[in-house]
Each structure stands twice: as C-alpha cells, then as structure tokens.
Amino acid sequence: MSLVLHPFVINQPFRHRYVDQSLEYVVNHPGVWVTTSDEIADHYTRTA
C-alpha cells in the first residue's frame, strides 16, 4: 500500500497528532516496510 502525504494536507497543525498516531499504528505491524520511492525502485531493479 502506498501512502502519499501531501504537504498541504499534513502540514496543518491540527492534523499532526492524527498523522503521527496513524503512522505509529501502521509501522508497528510485522512485515511493514517503511521506505521511499527510490528504495522501491532499487529493490525492483535488483529483483526484476
């Protein structure tokens, strides 16, 4: 799953707490790979 966080949306001060809570919930599940688009491209290049 890709989670895109646009600065206009997440840079609203009243949303910071909810973004933090959501990300903490997601990344604490086993098998979740927190990465960047560059790391995904590198992985694809190495394994394709």
N, C-alpha and C. Protein backbone atom coordinates (compact mmCIF):
# COMPACT_ATOMS: atom_id res chain seq x y z
N MET A 1 0.85 -1.16 0.00
CA MET A 1 0.00 0.00 0.00
C MET A 1 0.90 1.23 0.00
N SER A 2 0.58 2.15 -0.80
CA SER A 2 1.32 3.40 -0.85
C SER A 2 0.51 4.46 -0.10
N LEU A 3 1.19 5.17 0.74
CA LEU A 3 0.53 6.23 1.50
C LEU A 3 1.20 7.55 1.11
N VAL A 4 0.49 8.35 0.36
CA VAL A 4 1.02 9.63 -0.09
C VAL A 4 0.50 10.72 0.84
N LEU A 5 1.44 11.49 1.38
CA LEU A 5 1.08 12.56 2.31
C LEU A 5 1.46 13.90 1.70
N HIS A 6 0.48 14.58 1.16
CA HIS A 6 0.71 15.87 0.52
C HIS A 6 0.95 16.94 1.58
N PRO A 7 1.97 17.77 1.39
CA PRO A 7 2.28 18.80 2.39
C PRO A 7 1.10 19.71 2.73
N PHE A 8 0.25 20.00 1.76
CA PHE A 8 -0.90 20.87 2.04
C PHE A 8 -1.83 20.21 3.06
N VAL A 9 -1.93 18.90 3.00
CA VAL A 9 -2.83 18.19 3.91
C VAL A 9 -2.18 17.96 5.27
N ILE A 10 -0.94 17.44 5.28
CA ILE A 10 -0.33 17.07 6.56
C ILE A 10 0.33 18.22 7.28
N ASN A 11 0.50 19.34 6.62
CA ASN A 11 1.16 20.47 7.25
C ASN A 11 0.19 21.38 7.99
N GLN A 12 -0.99 20.90 8.24
CA GLN A 12 -1.95 21.63 9.03
C GLN A 12 -1.74 21.24 10.50
N PRO A 13 -1.42 22.17 11.37
CA PRO A 13 -1.07 21.84 12.75
C PRO A 13 -2.07 20.93 13.47
N PHE A 14 -3.35 21.11 13.23
CA PHE A 14 -4.34 20.30 13.93
C PHE A 14 -4.33 18.84 13.45
N ARG A 15 -3.65 18.54 12.34
CA ARG A 15 -3.59 17.18 11.82
C ARG A 15 -2.35 16.41 12.28
N HIS A 16 -1.35 17.09 12.79
CA HIS A 16 -0.08 16.44 13.15
C HIS A 16 -0.28 15.24 14.07
N ARG A 17 -1.07 15.41 15.09
CA ARG A 17 -1.28 14.34 16.06
C ARG A 17 -1.88 13.11 15.38
N TYR A 18 -2.83 13.31 14.49
CA TYR A 18 -3.51 12.19 13.84
C TYR A 18 -2.60 11.49 12.84
N VAL A 19 -1.76 12.25 12.14
CA VAL A 19 -0.79 11.63 11.22
C VAL A 19 0.20 10.81 12.03
N ASP A 20 0.71 11.36 13.13
CA ASP A 20 1.65 10.63 13.98
C ASP A 20 1.03 9.33 14.51
N GLN A 21 -0.18 9.42 15.00
CA GLN A 21 -0.86 8.23 15.54
C GLN A 21 -1.09 7.18 14.45
N SER A 22 -1.49 7.62 13.29
CA SER A 22 -1.75 6.69 12.19
C SER A 22 -0.48 5.98 11.73
N LEU A 23 0.60 6.75 11.56
CA LEU A 23 1.86 6.15 11.13
C LEU A 23 2.42 5.20 12.18
N GLU A 24 2.31 5.57 13.45
CA GLU A 24 2.78 4.68 14.51
C GLU A 24 2.02 3.37 14.49
N TYR A 25 0.73 3.43 14.29
CA TYR A 25 -0.10 2.22 14.23
C TYR A 25 0.32 1.33 13.06
N VAL A 26 0.51 1.93 11.90
CA VAL A 26 0.84 1.15 10.70
C VAL A 26 2.23 0.53 10.79
N VAL A 27 3.24 1.31 11.17
CA VAL A 27 4.61 0.81 11.14
C VAL A 27 4.91 -0.20 12.23
N ASN A 28 4.07 -0.31 13.23
CA ASN A 28 4.30 -1.28 14.30
C ASN A 28 3.72 -2.66 14.01
N HIS A 29 3.24 -2.88 12.81
CA HIS A 29 2.77 -4.21 12.42
C HIS A 29 3.93 -4.99 11.80
N PRO A 30 3.99 -6.29 12.06
CA PRO A 30 5.07 -7.09 11.48
C PRO A 30 5.00 -7.10 9.95
N GLY A 31 6.15 -7.06 9.33
CA GLY A 31 6.22 -7.14 7.88
C GLY A 31 6.00 -5.83 7.14
N VAL A 32 5.81 -4.75 7.85
CA VAL A 32 5.62 -3.45 7.20
C VAL A 32 6.99 -2.90 6.80
N TRP A 33 7.11 -2.53 5.56
CA TRP A 33 8.37 -1.98 5.04
C TRP A 33 8.18 -0.49 4.83
N VAL A 34 8.79 0.30 5.69
CA VAL A 34 8.72 1.76 5.57
C VAL A 34 9.89 2.17 4.69
N THR A 35 9.58 2.76 3.56
CA THR A 35 10.60 3.01 2.56
C THR A 35 10.28 4.25 1.75
N THR A 36 11.16 4.57 0.83
CA THR A 36 10.96 5.69 -0.08
C THR A 36 10.77 5.15 -1.49
N SER A 37 10.36 6.01 -2.38
CA SER A 37 10.17 5.59 -3.77
C SER A 37 11.50 5.17 -4.40
N ASP A 38 12.58 5.82 -4.03
CA ASP A 38 13.90 5.43 -4.55
C ASP A 38 14.29 4.03 -4.09
N GLU A 39 14.02 3.71 -2.83
CA GLU A 39 14.33 2.37 -2.32
C GLU A 39 13.47 1.31 -3.00
N ILE A 40 12.25 1.63 -3.31
CA ILE A 40 11.38 0.69 -4.04
C ILE A 40 11.94 0.46 -5.44
N ALA A 41 12.34 1.52 -6.10
CA ALA A 41 12.91 1.39 -7.45
C ALA A 41 14.20 0.56 -7.42
N ASP A 42 15.06 0.79 -6.43
CA ASP A 42 16.27 0.00 -6.29
C ASP A 42 15.96 -1.47 -6.07
N HIS A 43 15.00 -1.74 -5.22
CA HIS A 43 14.59 -3.12 -4.95
C HIS A 43 14.07 -3.78 -6.22
N TYR A 44 13.25 -3.08 -6.96
CA TYR A 44 12.70 -3.62 -8.19
C TYR A 44 13.82 -3.92 -9.20
N THR A 45 14.76 -2.99 -9.31
CA THR A 45 15.88 -3.17 -10.24
C THR A 45 16.70 -4.40 -9.87
N ARG A 46 16.94 -4.60 -8.59
CA ARG A 46 17.73 -5.75 -8.14
C ARG A 46 17.00 -7.08 -8.30
N THR A 47 15.68 -7.08 -8.18
CA THR A 47 14.95 -8.34 -8.16
C THR A 47 14.19 -8.64 -9.44
N ALA A 48 14.15 -7.71 -10.36
CA ALA A 48 13.38 -7.94 -11.60
C ALA A 48 14.22 -8.62 -12.66
